[in-house]
Each structure stands twice: as structure tokens, then as C-alpha cells.
């Protein structure tokens, strides 16, 4: 019984450490995306000409990177997990069909190589 309690405590600690690492990874990715967006925005604003499509695309790319950084920073993996579990419980047949289709596609892709 003591061993089970120790295992439970250890697993709980691992889960907490994983959550902390996940937070650090999310923050790092979001920071890198924002940094890239800033660099693109700076370079595209140097030669900003309203008729220059390259600088317009640069601004759009920077906007998309910043939106991506916001999404990554606000992403909640626990909510996604619970949403997926709920969807699987409500529609097990559809879930099996999707899993089978994904398996067939992956199998086909792997065989080609």
C-alpha cells in the first residue's frame, strides 16, 4: 500500500512537472513567433511603399505570426483533451471511422517511401 501511495505521489509530481514544462515550451514558441514577426515587420517597414506588394505581404505575414503566437500562448491542452474525450464518448462510430481513415492515409504514405 505504501508503494502505491509513493507511485501516486511520483506520478502526480511528473504531471505537475510536465505542465510546467509545457508552459515553458508554449511561452518559448510564442516568444520566438513574436520575435520573427517583429523582424519581418521591421524589414518590411523599411521599404514600405503602399504599392509594394512585397512589403504588404511582409506585414500580413507578421500579423499572422503574431496571431499564431497569441494562439500558442493561450492554448489549453487540458481543455482540448477533455473536448476530444467528450466527442469520442458522444460519437464513437465517427471516431473509429476517422481513426481508420487516418491510419489508411498514414499507411499509404509510409509504404511509398
C-alpha atoms as a PDB file:
ATOM      1  CA  UNK A   1       0.000   0.000   0.000  1.00  0.00           C
ATOM      2  CA  UNK A   2       2.848   2.395   0.789  1.00  0.00           C
ATOM      3  CA  UNK A   3       4.357   1.683  -2.627  1.00  0.00           C
ATOM      4  CA  UNK A   4       1.083   2.623  -4.335  1.00  0.00           C
ATOM      5  CA  UNK A   5       0.950   5.910  -2.448  1.00  0.00           C
ATOM      6  CA  UNK A   6       4.560   6.662  -3.394  1.00  0.00           C
ATOM      7  CA  UNK A   7       3.787   5.889  -7.029  1.00  0.00           C
ATOM      8  CA  UNK A   8       0.714   8.110  -6.911  1.00  0.00           C
ATOM      9  CA  UNK A   9       2.763  10.968  -5.462  1.00  0.00           C
ATOM     10  CA  UNK A  10       5.524  10.428  -8.048  1.00  0.00           C
ATOM     11  CA  UNK A  11       3.052  10.342 -10.954  1.00  0.00           C
ATOM     12  CA  UNK A  12       1.368  13.479  -9.648  1.00  0.00           C
ATOM     13  CA  UNK A  13       4.740  15.210  -9.496  1.00  0.00           C
ATOM     14  CA  UNK A  14       5.511  14.126 -13.037  1.00  0.00           C
ATOM     15  CA  UNK A  15       2.183  15.528 -14.228  1.00  0.00           C
ATOM     16  CA  UNK A  16       2.888  18.832 -12.500  1.00  0.00           C
ATOM     17  CA  UNK A  17       6.417  18.961 -13.947  1.00  0.00           C
ATOM     18  CA  UNK A  18       5.023  18.171 -17.392  1.00  0.00           C
ATOM     19  CA  UNK A  19       2.539  21.008 -17.095  1.00  0.00           C
ATOM     20  CA  UNK A  20       5.308  23.399 -16.080  1.00  0.00           C
ATOM     21  CA  UNK A  21       7.479  22.231 -18.987  1.00  0.00           C
ATOM     22  CA  UNK A  22       4.510  22.564 -21.340  1.00  0.00           C
ATOM     23  CA  UNK A  23       4.022  26.123 -20.160  1.00  0.00           C
ATOM     24  CA  UNK A  24       7.700  26.907 -20.765  1.00  0.00           C
ATOM     25  CA  UNK A  25       7.554  25.376 -24.234  1.00  0.00           C
ATOM     26  CA  UNK A  26       4.413  27.340 -25.092  1.00  0.00           C
ATOM     27  CA  UNK A  27       6.000  30.547 -23.843  1.00  0.00           C
ATOM     28  CA  UNK A  28       9.218  29.881 -25.763  1.00  0.00           C
ATOM     29  CA  UNK A  29       7.370  29.154 -29.013  1.00  0.00           C
ATOM     30  CA  UNK A  30       5.147  32.206 -28.594  1.00  0.00           C
ATOM     31  CA  UNK A  31       8.192  34.398 -27.900  1.00  0.00           C
ATOM     32  CA  UNK A  32      10.018  33.063 -30.983  1.00  0.00           C
ATOM     33  CA  UNK A  33       6.962  33.686 -33.163  1.00  0.00           C
ATOM     34  CA  UNK A  34       6.652  37.248 -31.850  1.00  0.00           C
ATOM     35  CA  UNK A  35      10.364  37.821 -32.423  1.00  0.00           C
ATOM     36  CA  UNK A  36      10.097  36.589 -36.011  1.00  0.00           C
ATOM     37  CA  UNK A  37       7.031  38.774 -36.549  1.00  0.00           C
ATOM     38  CA  UNK A  38       8.911  41.794 -35.258  1.00  0.00           C
ATOM     39  CA  UNK A  39      11.871  41.147 -37.550  1.00  0.00           C
ATOM     40  CA  UNK A  40       9.632  40.708 -40.577  1.00  0.00           C
ATOM     41  CA  UNK A  41       7.648  43.816 -39.693  1.00  0.00           C
ATOM     42  CA  UNK A  42      10.856  45.850 -39.279  1.00  0.00           C
ATOM     43  CA  UNK A  43      12.306  44.709 -42.596  1.00  0.00           C
ATOM     44  CA  UNK A  44       9.081  45.224 -44.495  1.00  0.00           C
ATOM     45  CA  UNK A  45       8.521  48.675 -42.963  1.00  0.00           C
ATOM     46  CA  UNK A  46      11.974  49.889 -44.063  1.00  0.00           C
ATOM     47  CA  UNK A  47      10.943  49.757 -47.659  1.00  0.00           C
ATOM     48  CA  UNK A  48       7.267  50.410 -47.071  1.00  0.00           C
ATOM     49  CA  UNK A  49       5.601  51.643 -50.187  1.00  0.00           C
ATOM     50  CA  UNK A  50       1.801  51.380 -50.418  1.00  0.00           C
ATOM     51  CA  UNK A  51       2.184  49.972 -53.944  1.00  0.00           C
ATOM     52  CA  UNK A  52       4.907  47.480 -53.000  1.00  0.00           C
ATOM     53  CA  UNK A  53       3.249  44.079 -52.671  1.00  0.00           C
ATOM     54  CA  UNK A  54       6.321  42.553 -51.023  1.00  0.00           C
ATOM     55  CA  UNK A  55       6.099  44.889 -48.031  1.00  0.00           C
ATOM     56  CA  UNK A  56       2.335  44.320 -47.835  1.00  0.00           C
ATOM     57  CA  UNK A  57       2.902  40.563 -47.741  1.00  0.00           C
ATOM     58  CA  UNK A  58       5.562  41.088 -45.088  1.00  0.00           C
ATOM     59  CA  UNK A  59       3.093  42.974 -42.904  1.00  0.00           C
ATOM     60  CA  UNK A  60       0.479  40.262 -43.425  1.00  0.00           C
ATOM     61  CA  UNK A  61       2.999  37.559 -42.548  1.00  0.00           C
ATOM     62  CA  UNK A  62       3.954  39.431 -39.376  1.00  0.00           C
ATOM     63  CA  UNK A  63       0.270  39.764 -38.426  1.00  0.00           C
ATOM     64  CA  UNK A  64      -0.257  36.026 -38.934  1.00  0.00           C
ATOM     65  CA  UNK A  65       2.816  35.178 -36.855  1.00  0.00           C
ATOM     66  CA  UNK A  66       1.573  37.390 -34.029  1.00  0.00           C
ATOM     67  CA  UNK A  67      -1.856  35.744 -34.174  1.00  0.00           C
ATOM     68  CA  UNK A  68      -0.117  32.359 -34.081  1.00  0.00           C
ATOM     69  CA  UNK A  69       1.904  33.449 -31.054  1.00  0.00           C
ATOM     70  CA  UNK A  70      -1.281  34.530 -29.275  1.00  0.00           C
ATOM     71  CA  UNK A  71      -2.937  31.200 -30.112  1.00  0.00           C
ATOM     72  CA  UNK A  72       0.033  29.171 -28.854  1.00  0.00           C
ATOM     73  CA  UNK A  73       0.271  31.268 -25.700  1.00  0.00           C
ATOM     74  CA  UNK A  74      -3.427  30.821 -24.907  1.00  0.00           C
ATOM     75  CA  UNK A  75      -3.674  27.162 -25.961  1.00  0.00           C
ATOM     76  CA  UNK A  76      -5.047  24.918 -23.207  1.00  0.00           C
ATOM     77  CA  UNK A  77      -4.094  21.295 -23.801  1.00  0.00           C
ATOM     78  CA  UNK A  78      -6.241  20.056 -20.909  1.00  0.00           C
ATOM     79  CA  UNK A  79      -9.347  21.633 -22.460  1.00  0.00           C
ATOM     80  CA  UNK A  80      -8.506  20.088 -25.824  1.00  0.00           C
ATOM     81  CA  UNK A  81      -8.073  16.698 -24.164  1.00  0.00           C
ATOM     82  CA  UNK A  82     -11.429  16.932 -22.390  1.00  0.00           C
ATOM     83  CA  UNK A  83     -13.158  18.144 -25.590  1.00  0.00           C
ATOM     84  CA  UNK A  84     -11.745  15.209 -27.562  1.00  0.00           C
ATOM     85  CA  UNK A  85     -12.751  12.731 -24.864  1.00  0.00           C
ATOM     86  CA  UNK A  86     -16.269  14.138 -24.803  1.00  0.00           C
ATOM     87  CA  UNK A  87     -16.523  13.959 -28.587  1.00  0.00           C
ATOM     88  CA  UNK A  88     -15.331  10.342 -28.576  1.00  0.00           C
ATOM     89  CA  UNK A  89     -17.931   9.423 -25.957  1.00  0.00           C
ATOM     90  CA  UNK A  90     -20.733  11.089 -27.912  1.00  0.00           C
ATOM     91  CA  UNK A  91     -19.735   9.724 -31.359  1.00  0.00           C
ATOM     92  CA  UNK A  92     -17.658   6.544 -31.027  1.00  0.00           C
ATOM     93  CA  UNK A  93     -18.533   5.309 -34.524  1.00  0.00           C
ATOM     94  CA  UNK A  94     -17.431   8.500 -36.197  1.00  0.00           C
ATOM     95  CA  UNK A  95     -14.247   8.454 -34.147  1.00  0.00           C
ATOM     96  CA  UNK A  96     -13.433   4.934 -35.308  1.00  0.00           C
ATOM     97  CA  UNK A  97     -14.062   5.882 -38.933  1.00  0.00           C
ATOM     98  CA  UNK A  98     -11.792   8.917 -38.656  1.00  0.00           C
ATOM     99  CA  UNK A  99      -9.082   6.879 -36.923  1.00  0.00           C
ATOM    100  CA  UNK A 100      -9.314   4.202 -39.627  1.00  0.00           C
ATOM    101  CA  UNK A 101      -9.080   6.785 -42.412  1.00  0.00           C
ATOM    102  CA  UNK A 102      -6.066   8.429 -40.792  1.00  0.00           C
ATOM    103  CA  UNK A 103      -4.455   5.006 -40.406  1.00  0.00           C
ATOM    104  CA  UNK A 104      -5.009   4.189 -44.075  1.00  0.00           C
ATOM    105  CA  UNK A 105      -3.558   7.501 -45.210  1.00  0.00           C
ATOM    106  CA  UNK A 106      -0.516   7.146 -42.958  1.00  0.00           C
ATOM    107  CA  UNK A 107      -0.022   3.545 -44.051  1.00  0.00           C
ATOM    108  CA  UNK A 108      -0.144   4.597 -47.694  1.00  0.00           C
ATOM    109  CA  UNK A 109       2.353   7.403 -47.124  1.00  0.00           C
ATOM    110  CA  UNK A 110       4.756   5.144 -45.225  1.00  0.00           C
ATOM    111  CA  UNK A 111       4.631   2.405 -47.873  1.00  0.00           C
ATOM    112  CA  UNK A 112       5.540   4.844 -50.636  1.00  0.00           C
ATOM    113  CA  UNK A 113       8.889   5.604 -49.025  1.00  0.00           C
END
